N, C-alpha and C. Protein backbone atom coordinates (compact mmCIF):
# COMPACT_ATOMS: atom_id res chain seq x y z
N MET A 1 122.20 111.59 103.52
CA MET A 1 120.79 111.97 103.62
C MET A 1 120.41 112.17 105.08
N ASP A 2 119.77 113.31 105.35
CA ASP A 2 119.35 113.62 106.70
C ASP A 2 118.19 112.71 107.09
N GLY A 3 118.38 111.94 108.15
CA GLY A 3 117.36 110.99 108.53
C GLY A 3 116.27 111.56 109.42
N PHE A 4 116.46 112.80 109.93
CA PHE A 4 115.50 113.37 110.88
C PHE A 4 114.08 113.42 110.33
N PRO A 5 113.85 113.92 109.10
CA PRO A 5 112.48 113.95 108.59
C PRO A 5 111.83 112.57 108.53
N PHE A 6 112.63 111.57 108.19
CA PHE A 6 112.09 110.22 108.08
C PHE A 6 111.72 109.66 109.45
N ILE A 7 112.51 109.99 110.46
CA ILE A 7 112.21 109.54 111.83
C ILE A 7 110.92 110.18 112.33
N ILE A 8 110.79 111.49 112.11
CA ILE A 8 109.59 112.20 112.53
C ILE A 8 108.36 111.68 111.78
N ALA A 9 108.54 111.45 110.48
CA ALA A 9 107.43 110.93 109.66
C ALA A 9 107.02 109.53 110.12
N ALA A 10 107.99 108.72 110.47
CA ALA A 10 107.70 107.37 110.93
C ALA A 10 106.90 107.40 112.23
N LEU A 11 107.33 108.22 113.17
CA LEU A 11 106.63 108.31 114.46
C LEU A 11 105.22 108.88 114.28
N GLY A 12 105.13 109.98 113.52
CA GLY A 12 103.83 110.60 113.30
C GLY A 12 102.89 109.70 112.53
N GLY A 13 103.42 109.04 111.51
CA GLY A 13 102.59 108.14 110.72
C GLY A 13 102.09 106.98 111.55
N TYR A 14 102.95 106.44 112.39
CA TYR A 14 102.53 105.32 113.24
C TYR A 14 101.41 105.74 114.19
N LEU A 15 101.54 106.91 114.80
CA LEU A 15 100.52 107.38 115.74
C LEU A 15 99.19 107.61 115.05
N LEU A 16 99.23 108.19 113.85
CA LEU A 16 97.99 108.39 113.09
C LEU A 16 97.37 107.04 112.71
N GLY A 17 98.21 106.16 112.23
CA GLY A 17 97.72 104.86 111.79
C GLY A 17 97.18 104.01 112.90
N SER A 18 97.65 104.23 114.11
CA SER A 18 97.23 103.39 115.24
C SER A 18 95.89 103.79 115.84
N ILE A 19 95.27 104.85 115.32
CA ILE A 19 93.94 105.25 115.82
C ILE A 19 92.93 104.18 115.38
N PRO A 20 92.31 103.47 116.31
CA PRO A 20 91.40 102.36 115.96
C PRO A 20 89.98 102.85 115.68
N PHE A 21 89.78 103.42 114.51
CA PHE A 21 88.48 104.00 114.20
C PHE A 21 87.34 102.98 114.27
N GLY A 22 87.60 101.76 113.79
CA GLY A 22 86.55 100.75 113.82
C GLY A 22 86.07 100.48 115.24
N LEU A 23 86.99 100.44 116.17
CA LEU A 23 86.65 100.21 117.57
C LEU A 23 85.86 101.38 118.14
N PHE A 24 86.33 102.60 117.85
CA PHE A 24 85.66 103.79 118.36
C PHE A 24 84.24 103.92 117.79
N ILE A 25 84.10 103.69 116.50
CA ILE A 25 82.82 103.88 115.83
C ILE A 25 81.78 102.89 116.34
N THR A 26 82.15 101.63 116.46
CA THR A 26 81.19 100.63 116.92
C THR A 26 80.81 100.83 118.38
N ARG A 27 81.75 101.26 119.18
CA ARG A 27 81.43 101.54 120.58
C ARG A 27 80.50 102.74 120.68
N ALA A 28 80.76 103.77 119.90
CA ALA A 28 79.92 104.96 119.93
C ALA A 28 78.50 104.65 119.46
N ALA A 29 78.38 103.65 118.58
CA ALA A 29 77.06 103.26 118.07
C ALA A 29 76.34 102.30 119.02
N GLY A 30 76.99 101.95 120.12
CA GLY A 30 76.36 101.08 121.10
C GLY A 30 76.43 99.60 120.75
N LEU A 31 77.40 99.24 119.91
CA LEU A 31 77.51 97.85 119.48
C LEU A 31 78.56 97.07 120.25
N GLY A 32 79.16 97.71 121.25
CA GLY A 32 80.16 97.01 122.06
C GLY A 32 81.53 97.00 121.41
N ASP A 33 82.31 96.01 121.77
CA ASP A 33 83.69 95.88 121.33
C ASP A 33 83.75 95.06 120.04
N ILE A 34 84.16 95.68 118.95
CA ILE A 34 84.22 94.99 117.67
C ILE A 34 85.16 93.80 117.71
N ARG A 35 86.09 93.81 118.66
CA ARG A 35 87.04 92.69 118.77
C ARG A 35 86.38 91.42 119.30
N GLN A 36 85.14 91.55 119.77
CA GLN A 36 84.40 90.38 120.25
C GLN A 36 83.40 89.88 119.19
N ILE A 37 83.50 90.44 117.99
CA ILE A 37 82.57 90.08 116.91
C ILE A 37 83.34 89.48 115.75
N GLY A 38 82.78 88.47 115.12
CA GLY A 38 83.37 87.92 113.90
C GLY A 38 84.80 87.48 114.06
N SER A 39 85.67 88.07 113.22
CA SER A 39 87.08 87.70 113.23
C SER A 39 87.85 88.37 114.36
N GLY A 40 87.22 89.34 115.05
CA GLY A 40 87.92 90.08 116.10
C GLY A 40 88.76 91.21 115.55
N ASN A 41 88.69 91.43 114.25
CA ASN A 41 89.47 92.46 113.58
C ASN A 41 88.80 93.83 113.77
N ILE A 42 89.59 94.91 113.74
CA ILE A 42 89.02 96.24 113.92
C ILE A 42 88.77 96.95 112.60
N GLY A 43 88.96 96.26 111.49
CA GLY A 43 88.81 96.87 110.17
C GLY A 43 87.37 96.89 109.68
N ALA A 44 87.20 97.49 108.49
CA ALA A 44 85.86 97.72 107.93
C ALA A 44 85.13 96.42 107.63
N THR A 45 85.83 95.39 107.17
CA THR A 45 85.15 94.13 106.85
C THR A 45 84.49 93.53 108.07
N ASN A 46 85.18 93.58 109.20
CA ASN A 46 84.58 93.03 110.42
C ASN A 46 83.48 93.93 110.95
N VAL A 47 83.64 95.24 110.80
CA VAL A 47 82.57 96.15 111.21
C VAL A 47 81.30 95.85 110.42
N LEU A 48 81.46 95.47 109.15
CA LEU A 48 80.31 95.14 108.32
C LEU A 48 79.53 93.96 108.89
N ARG A 49 80.19 93.09 109.62
CA ARG A 49 79.53 91.93 110.21
C ARG A 49 78.51 92.32 111.29
N THR A 50 78.57 93.57 111.75
CA THR A 50 77.57 94.04 112.70
C THR A 50 76.23 94.30 112.02
N GLY A 51 76.25 94.32 110.69
CA GLY A 51 75.05 94.63 109.93
C GLY A 51 74.88 96.10 109.63
N ARG A 52 75.83 96.92 110.07
CA ARG A 52 75.75 98.35 109.86
C ARG A 52 76.68 98.77 108.72
N LYS A 53 76.11 98.87 107.52
CA LYS A 53 76.91 99.25 106.36
C LYS A 53 77.45 100.67 106.48
N ASP A 54 76.69 101.54 107.14
CA ASP A 54 77.15 102.91 107.30
C ASP A 54 78.38 102.99 108.18
N LEU A 55 78.41 102.18 109.23
CA LEU A 55 79.58 102.17 110.12
C LEU A 55 80.78 101.55 109.42
N ALA A 56 80.54 100.53 108.61
CA ALA A 56 81.63 99.90 107.87
C ALA A 56 82.22 100.88 106.87
N LEU A 57 81.36 101.63 106.19
CA LEU A 57 81.85 102.62 105.22
C LEU A 57 82.64 103.72 105.91
N ALA A 58 82.14 104.17 107.06
CA ALA A 58 82.86 105.21 107.81
C ALA A 58 84.23 104.69 108.25
N THR A 59 84.28 103.45 108.70
CA THR A 59 85.56 102.86 109.11
C THR A 59 86.51 102.76 107.92
N LEU A 60 85.99 102.31 106.78
CA LEU A 60 86.81 102.20 105.57
C LEU A 60 87.41 103.54 105.18
N LEU A 61 86.59 104.57 105.18
CA LEU A 61 87.06 105.89 104.76
C LEU A 61 88.07 106.46 105.75
N LEU A 62 87.80 106.32 107.04
CA LEU A 62 88.70 106.86 108.05
C LEU A 62 90.03 106.10 108.08
N ASP A 63 89.98 104.78 107.94
CA ASP A 63 91.21 104.00 107.92
C ASP A 63 92.05 104.34 106.69
N SER A 64 91.37 104.66 105.58
CA SER A 64 92.09 105.08 104.38
C SER A 64 92.65 106.49 104.55
N PHE A 65 91.82 107.36 105.11
CA PHE A 65 92.20 108.76 105.21
C PHE A 65 93.37 108.98 106.15
N LYS A 66 93.49 108.14 107.19
CA LYS A 66 94.60 108.38 108.13
C LYS A 66 95.94 108.14 107.45
N ALA A 67 96.00 107.22 106.49
CA ALA A 67 97.23 107.05 105.73
C ALA A 67 97.45 108.24 104.81
N GLY A 68 96.36 108.68 104.18
CA GLY A 68 96.47 109.84 103.29
C GLY A 68 96.90 111.09 104.03
N LEU A 69 96.34 111.29 105.21
CA LEU A 69 96.71 112.46 106.02
C LEU A 69 98.18 112.41 106.40
N ALA A 70 98.65 111.23 106.78
CA ALA A 70 100.07 111.09 107.14
C ALA A 70 100.96 111.41 105.95
N ILE A 71 100.60 110.89 104.79
CA ILE A 71 101.40 111.09 103.58
C ILE A 71 101.44 112.56 103.19
N LEU A 72 100.26 113.16 103.05
CA LEU A 72 100.20 114.55 102.61
C LEU A 72 100.83 115.49 103.63
N GLY A 73 100.53 115.25 104.90
CA GLY A 73 101.05 116.14 105.93
C GLY A 73 102.56 116.18 105.98
N PHE A 74 103.19 115.02 105.98
CA PHE A 74 104.65 114.99 106.12
C PHE A 74 105.35 115.29 104.80
N ALA A 75 104.72 114.97 103.69
CA ALA A 75 105.31 115.34 102.40
C ALA A 75 105.35 116.86 102.25
N LEU A 76 104.26 117.52 102.66
CA LEU A 76 104.20 118.98 102.60
C LEU A 76 105.13 119.62 103.64
N LEU A 77 105.17 119.03 104.83
CA LEU A 77 105.99 119.59 105.90
C LEU A 77 107.46 119.61 105.54
N PHE A 78 107.93 118.53 104.92
CA PHE A 78 109.36 118.43 104.60
C PHE A 78 109.66 118.61 103.12
N GLY A 79 108.63 118.81 102.32
CA GLY A 79 108.83 119.02 100.89
C GLY A 79 109.45 117.84 100.19
N ASP A 80 109.10 116.64 100.62
CA ASP A 80 109.72 115.43 100.09
C ASP A 80 108.68 114.31 100.03
N ARG A 81 108.35 113.88 98.81
CA ARG A 81 107.37 112.80 98.65
C ARG A 81 107.80 111.52 99.35
N ASN A 82 109.08 111.23 99.34
CA ASN A 82 109.57 110.00 99.95
C ASN A 82 109.35 110.00 101.46
N VAL A 83 109.47 111.17 102.07
CA VAL A 83 109.17 111.27 103.51
C VAL A 83 107.69 110.96 103.75
N GLY A 84 106.84 111.47 102.86
CA GLY A 84 105.42 111.16 102.96
C GLY A 84 105.14 109.68 102.82
N LEU A 85 105.85 109.03 101.91
CA LEU A 85 105.68 107.59 101.72
C LEU A 85 106.05 106.81 102.98
N ILE A 86 107.12 107.23 103.63
CA ILE A 86 107.52 106.57 104.87
C ILE A 86 106.45 106.77 105.94
N ALA A 87 105.88 107.96 105.99
CA ALA A 87 104.78 108.19 106.95
C ALA A 87 103.62 107.26 106.65
N GLY A 88 103.34 107.04 105.37
CA GLY A 88 102.27 106.13 104.98
C GLY A 88 102.55 104.70 105.37
N VAL A 89 103.79 104.28 105.21
CA VAL A 89 104.19 102.93 105.60
C VAL A 89 103.96 102.71 107.09
N PHE A 90 104.35 103.69 107.88
CA PHE A 90 104.20 103.54 109.33
C PHE A 90 102.75 103.73 109.78
N ALA A 91 101.95 104.45 108.98
CA ALA A 91 100.52 104.48 109.26
C ALA A 91 99.92 103.10 109.07
N PHE A 92 100.39 102.40 108.04
CA PHE A 92 99.97 101.01 107.80
C PHE A 92 100.36 100.14 108.99
N LEU A 93 101.60 100.26 109.44
CA LEU A 93 102.06 99.47 110.58
C LEU A 93 101.30 99.81 111.85
N GLY A 94 101.00 101.09 112.02
CA GLY A 94 100.24 101.51 113.19
C GLY A 94 98.84 100.92 113.18
N HIS A 95 98.24 100.85 112.00
CA HIS A 95 96.90 100.26 111.90
C HIS A 95 96.93 98.77 112.22
N CYS A 96 97.92 98.09 111.71
CA CYS A 96 98.01 96.64 111.91
C CYS A 96 98.49 96.27 113.32
N TYR A 97 99.36 97.12 113.88
CA TYR A 97 99.95 96.81 115.18
C TYR A 97 99.90 98.03 116.11
N PRO A 98 98.68 98.45 116.51
CA PRO A 98 98.56 99.64 117.37
C PRO A 98 99.00 99.34 118.81
N VAL A 99 99.84 100.19 119.32
CA VAL A 99 100.35 99.98 120.67
C VAL A 99 99.24 100.02 121.70
N TRP A 100 98.16 100.80 121.41
CA TRP A 100 97.06 100.95 122.36
C TRP A 100 96.26 99.66 122.52
N LEU A 101 96.31 98.79 121.52
CA LEU A 101 95.52 97.55 121.55
C LEU A 101 96.42 96.32 121.61
N ARG A 102 97.56 96.49 122.28
CA ARG A 102 98.52 95.40 122.44
C ARG A 102 98.96 94.83 121.09
N PHE A 103 99.11 95.75 120.14
CA PHE A 103 99.62 95.43 118.80
C PHE A 103 98.72 94.47 118.01
N LYS A 104 97.42 94.48 118.34
CA LYS A 104 96.46 93.65 117.62
C LYS A 104 95.46 94.57 116.93
N GLY A 105 95.71 94.84 115.65
CA GLY A 105 94.87 95.77 114.91
C GLY A 105 94.21 95.15 113.70
N GLY A 106 94.14 95.93 112.62
CA GLY A 106 93.51 95.47 111.39
C GLY A 106 94.50 94.81 110.46
N LYS A 107 94.02 94.51 109.25
CA LYS A 107 94.88 93.83 108.28
C LYS A 107 95.48 94.78 107.24
N GLY A 108 95.08 96.04 107.28
CA GLY A 108 95.79 97.06 106.52
C GLY A 108 95.34 97.32 105.10
N VAL A 109 94.29 96.66 104.63
CA VAL A 109 93.90 96.84 103.23
C VAL A 109 93.41 98.26 102.96
N ALA A 110 92.52 98.77 103.81
CA ALA A 110 92.01 100.13 103.61
C ALA A 110 93.13 101.16 103.74
N THR A 111 94.03 100.93 104.69
CA THR A 111 95.14 101.86 104.89
C THR A 111 96.09 101.84 103.69
N TYR A 112 96.32 100.65 103.14
CA TYR A 112 97.13 100.51 101.93
C TYR A 112 96.46 101.23 100.76
N ALA A 113 95.14 101.08 100.64
CA ALA A 113 94.41 101.75 99.57
C ALA A 113 94.53 103.27 99.69
N GLY A 114 94.45 103.76 100.93
CA GLY A 114 94.60 105.19 101.15
C GLY A 114 95.98 105.67 100.77
N LEU A 115 96.98 104.88 101.08
CA LEU A 115 98.35 105.23 100.70
C LEU A 115 98.48 105.32 99.18
N LEU A 116 97.91 104.36 98.48
CA LEU A 116 97.97 104.38 97.02
C LEU A 116 97.25 105.60 96.45
N LEU A 117 96.08 105.87 96.97
CA LEU A 117 95.28 106.97 96.46
C LEU A 117 95.98 108.32 96.64
N PHE A 118 96.62 108.50 97.77
CA PHE A 118 97.23 109.79 98.07
C PHE A 118 98.69 109.90 97.64
N ALA A 119 99.37 108.78 97.45
CA ALA A 119 100.81 108.86 97.19
C ALA A 119 101.25 108.20 95.89
N SER A 120 100.43 107.32 95.33
CA SER A 120 100.85 106.64 94.10
C SER A 120 99.62 106.34 93.25
N TRP A 121 99.23 107.31 92.43
CA TRP A 121 98.06 107.08 91.59
C TRP A 121 98.31 105.95 90.59
N LYS A 122 99.58 105.73 90.24
CA LYS A 122 99.90 104.63 89.33
C LYS A 122 99.61 103.29 90.00
N GLY A 123 99.96 103.19 91.27
CA GLY A 123 99.64 101.98 92.01
C GLY A 123 98.14 101.82 92.20
N PHE A 124 97.46 102.93 92.44
CA PHE A 124 96.01 102.88 92.64
C PHE A 124 95.30 102.46 91.36
N LEU A 125 95.79 102.93 90.21
CA LEU A 125 95.20 102.54 88.93
C LEU A 125 95.33 101.04 88.67
N VAL A 126 96.34 100.43 89.25
CA VAL A 126 96.50 98.98 89.14
C VAL A 126 95.59 98.28 90.15
N ALA A 127 95.61 98.75 91.38
CA ALA A 127 94.92 98.05 92.47
C ALA A 127 93.41 98.07 92.35
N ALA A 128 92.84 99.24 92.06
CA ALA A 128 91.38 99.38 92.09
C ALA A 128 90.66 98.44 91.13
N PRO A 129 91.01 98.43 89.85
CA PRO A 129 90.28 97.52 88.95
C PRO A 129 90.52 96.05 89.24
N ILE A 130 91.72 95.71 89.69
CA ILE A 130 92.01 94.31 90.02
C ILE A 130 91.17 93.88 91.22
N TRP A 131 91.14 94.70 92.26
CA TRP A 131 90.34 94.35 93.44
C TRP A 131 88.88 94.19 93.06
N LEU A 132 88.35 95.14 92.31
CA LEU A 132 86.94 95.09 91.94
C LEU A 132 86.62 93.87 91.09
N ALA A 133 87.49 93.57 90.13
CA ALA A 133 87.24 92.44 89.23
C ALA A 133 87.29 91.12 89.98
N VAL A 134 88.31 90.94 90.82
CA VAL A 134 88.45 89.68 91.55
C VAL A 134 87.32 89.52 92.56
N PHE A 135 86.97 90.60 93.23
CA PHE A 135 85.89 90.50 94.21
C PHE A 135 84.56 90.22 93.53
N PHE A 136 84.31 90.86 92.39
CA PHE A 136 83.06 90.65 91.66
C PHE A 136 82.93 89.20 91.21
N LEU A 137 84.04 88.62 90.76
CA LEU A 137 84.01 87.25 90.25
C LEU A 137 84.00 86.21 91.36
N SER A 138 84.71 86.48 92.46
CA SER A 138 84.86 85.46 93.50
C SER A 138 84.01 85.70 94.74
N ARG A 139 83.68 86.97 95.00
CA ARG A 139 82.98 87.37 96.22
C ARG A 139 83.79 87.03 97.47
N ILE A 140 85.11 87.01 97.32
CA ILE A 140 86.00 86.73 98.45
C ILE A 140 86.90 87.95 98.64
N SER A 141 86.69 88.70 99.71
CA SER A 141 87.41 89.94 99.92
C SER A 141 88.91 89.73 100.07
N SER A 142 89.29 88.68 100.78
CA SER A 142 90.71 88.44 101.00
C SER A 142 91.43 88.09 99.69
N LEU A 143 90.77 87.33 98.82
CA LEU A 143 91.37 86.99 97.53
C LEU A 143 91.57 88.23 96.68
N ALA A 144 90.59 89.12 96.71
CA ALA A 144 90.71 90.37 95.97
C ALA A 144 91.86 91.20 96.50
N ALA A 145 91.98 91.29 97.81
CA ALA A 145 93.05 92.08 98.42
C ALA A 145 94.42 91.50 98.12
N LEU A 146 94.55 90.20 98.22
CA LEU A 146 95.85 89.55 97.99
C LEU A 146 96.26 89.63 96.52
N THR A 147 95.30 89.47 95.62
CA THR A 147 95.62 89.57 94.19
C THR A 147 96.08 90.98 93.85
N ALA A 148 95.35 91.97 94.35
CA ALA A 148 95.73 93.35 94.10
C ALA A 148 97.11 93.66 94.69
N ALA A 149 97.34 93.21 95.92
CA ALA A 149 98.63 93.46 96.57
C ALA A 149 99.78 92.84 95.79
N LEU A 150 99.54 91.64 95.25
CA LEU A 150 100.59 90.96 94.49
C LEU A 150 100.96 91.73 93.23
N LEU A 151 99.96 92.30 92.56
CA LEU A 151 100.20 92.90 91.25
C LEU A 151 100.50 94.40 91.29
N VAL A 152 100.20 95.06 92.40
CA VAL A 152 100.42 96.50 92.48
C VAL A 152 101.87 96.92 92.22
N PRO A 153 102.86 96.34 92.91
CA PRO A 153 104.24 96.80 92.65
C PRO A 153 104.68 96.56 91.21
N ILE A 154 104.27 95.43 90.64
CA ILE A 154 104.64 95.10 89.27
C ILE A 154 104.00 96.09 88.30
N GLY A 155 102.70 96.31 88.48
CA GLY A 155 102.00 97.24 87.59
C GLY A 155 102.51 98.66 87.73
N ALA A 156 102.74 99.10 88.96
CA ALA A 156 103.25 100.45 89.18
C ALA A 156 104.61 100.65 88.53
N CYS A 157 105.43 99.61 88.58
CA CYS A 157 106.76 99.68 87.96
C CYS A 157 106.62 99.85 86.44
N PHE A 158 105.73 99.10 85.83
CA PHE A 158 105.51 99.21 84.39
C PHE A 158 104.94 100.56 83.99
N LEU A 159 104.20 101.17 84.91
CA LEU A 159 103.62 102.49 84.62
C LEU A 159 104.59 103.63 84.89
N GLY A 160 105.81 103.29 85.33
CA GLY A 160 106.84 104.30 85.50
C GLY A 160 106.96 104.90 86.88
N GLU A 161 106.45 104.20 87.89
CA GLU A 161 106.59 104.68 89.27
C GLU A 161 108.07 104.69 89.65
N THR A 162 108.42 105.56 90.59
CA THR A 162 109.82 105.69 90.99
C THR A 162 110.29 104.42 91.72
N PRO A 163 111.59 104.11 91.63
CA PRO A 163 112.11 102.92 92.31
C PRO A 163 111.82 102.92 93.81
N PHE A 164 111.94 104.08 94.46
CA PHE A 164 111.68 104.15 95.90
C PHE A 164 110.23 103.78 96.19
N ALA A 165 109.30 104.34 95.42
CA ALA A 165 107.89 104.06 95.64
C ALA A 165 107.57 102.59 95.35
N VAL A 166 108.15 102.04 94.29
CA VAL A 166 107.93 100.63 93.98
C VAL A 166 108.43 99.75 95.13
N GLY A 167 109.58 100.10 95.68
CA GLY A 167 110.10 99.36 96.82
C GLY A 167 109.17 99.42 98.02
N VAL A 168 108.61 100.61 98.27
CA VAL A 168 107.65 100.77 99.37
C VAL A 168 106.41 99.92 99.13
N LEU A 169 105.90 99.96 97.91
CA LEU A 169 104.70 99.18 97.59
C LEU A 169 104.97 97.68 97.71
N ALA A 170 106.15 97.26 97.27
CA ALA A 170 106.49 95.84 97.38
C ALA A 170 106.56 95.40 98.84
N ALA A 171 107.16 96.24 99.69
CA ALA A 171 107.24 95.91 101.11
C ALA A 171 105.86 95.84 101.75
N LEU A 172 104.98 96.78 101.38
CA LEU A 172 103.63 96.76 101.94
C LEU A 172 102.84 95.56 101.44
N SER A 173 103.06 95.17 100.20
CA SER A 173 102.36 93.99 99.67
C SER A 173 102.77 92.73 100.43
N VAL A 174 104.05 92.64 100.76
CA VAL A 174 104.51 91.51 101.57
C VAL A 174 103.82 91.52 102.93
N LEU A 175 103.68 92.71 103.51
CA LEU A 175 103.02 92.82 104.81
C LEU A 175 101.54 92.46 104.72
N VAL A 176 100.89 92.81 103.59
CA VAL A 176 99.49 92.43 103.41
C VAL A 176 99.35 90.91 103.39
N PHE A 177 100.28 90.24 102.72
CA PHE A 177 100.25 88.78 102.72
C PHE A 177 100.46 88.23 104.13
N TRP A 178 101.32 88.88 104.90
CA TRP A 178 101.56 88.43 106.27
C TRP A 178 100.32 88.61 107.13
N THR A 179 99.66 89.76 107.04
CA THR A 179 98.47 89.98 107.86
C THR A 179 97.30 89.10 107.41
N HIS A 180 97.36 88.61 106.17
CA HIS A 180 96.30 87.74 105.66
C HIS A 180 96.74 86.27 105.60
N ARG A 181 97.74 85.92 106.38
CA ARG A 181 98.27 84.55 106.28
C ARG A 181 97.22 83.49 106.62
N ALA A 182 96.35 83.77 107.59
CA ALA A 182 95.30 82.80 107.92
C ALA A 182 94.31 82.68 106.76
N ASN A 183 94.00 83.83 106.14
CA ASN A 183 93.11 83.80 104.98
C ASN A 183 93.75 83.03 103.83
N LEU A 184 95.04 83.21 103.67
CA LEU A 184 95.75 82.53 102.59
C LEU A 184 95.69 81.01 102.76
N VAL A 185 95.85 80.56 103.99
CA VAL A 185 95.76 79.12 104.26
C VAL A 185 94.37 78.61 103.89
N ARG A 186 93.34 79.36 104.26
CA ARG A 186 91.97 78.93 103.94
C ARG A 186 91.72 78.97 102.43
N LEU A 187 92.30 79.95 101.75
CA LEU A 187 92.15 80.02 100.30
C LEU A 187 92.78 78.80 99.64
N LEU A 188 93.96 78.41 100.11
CA LEU A 188 94.64 77.26 99.54
C LEU A 188 93.87 75.97 99.81
N LYS A 189 93.16 75.93 100.94
CA LYS A 189 92.37 74.75 101.29
C LYS A 189 90.98 74.78 100.66
N GLY A 190 90.61 75.93 100.10
CA GLY A 190 89.28 76.07 99.52
C GLY A 190 88.20 76.27 100.54
N THR A 191 88.57 76.74 101.73
CA THR A 191 87.58 76.91 102.80
C THR A 191 87.32 78.37 103.16
N GLU A 192 87.90 79.29 102.39
CA GLU A 192 87.68 80.71 102.68
C GLU A 192 86.26 81.09 102.29
N PRO A 193 85.44 81.56 103.23
CA PRO A 193 84.04 81.89 102.91
C PRO A 193 83.93 83.06 101.94
N ARG A 194 82.84 83.09 101.21
CA ARG A 194 82.56 84.19 100.30
C ARG A 194 81.82 85.29 101.04
N PHE A 195 81.90 86.49 100.50
CA PHE A 195 81.25 87.64 101.12
C PHE A 195 79.76 87.38 101.25
N GLY A 196 79.22 87.68 102.42
CA GLY A 196 77.80 87.47 102.66
C GLY A 196 77.52 86.24 103.49
N GLN A 197 78.50 85.33 103.53
CA GLN A 197 78.33 84.18 104.39
C GLN A 197 78.58 84.59 105.83
N LYS A 198 78.03 83.85 106.74
CA LYS A 198 78.08 84.24 108.15
C LYS A 198 79.50 84.36 108.67
N LYS A 199 80.40 83.50 108.20
CA LYS A 199 81.76 83.53 108.71
C LYS A 199 82.76 84.05 107.69
N ASP A 200 82.30 84.98 106.86
CA ASP A 200 83.18 85.59 105.88
C ASP A 200 84.39 86.17 106.58
N ALA A 201 85.59 85.79 106.14
CA ALA A 201 86.82 86.27 106.77
C ALA A 201 87.57 87.14 105.81
N GLY A 202 87.86 88.38 106.22
CA GLY A 202 88.59 89.27 105.35
C GLY A 202 89.31 90.30 106.14
């Protein structure tokens, strides 16, 4: 197998994923450095802590879209869905570990959602209702994200997703647990705040 398309997709996906939209949007809105607010995260959940739902929504959509753009762009360029999936994986890594911010980025949930939406509708069909149901019942964003991440590869496999895609989803789910390790500790201790509380962590 020629590895060149995968190398190019990995580099391009990482660069797209590493664009810190949350940081750019909050600065442009005159809110300063989002890394000095709340959890210090550059993702949509922390942007929401500024009180600007519009900025949080814009961050969510852009963080999702950059994974989708990477997937669609490289899949079309090389005519290979698997190449697109690799671009999506590295967009996720770029979001979580952007070189421009000393490898301190977001937790990857929105980027993972964008990957599912654009590259694995079977995975998205599993993730979306699970996230919504768990969040509605618990009001804890991290619990919803972790539950969805845990069940996505299993559900996608049962729905007939390809082995390569299932492997990609499983790897990303492991990474979601890693980026949420502090949240996981708080969940196990029963100290993870619910959405709307001042110190909601997600």
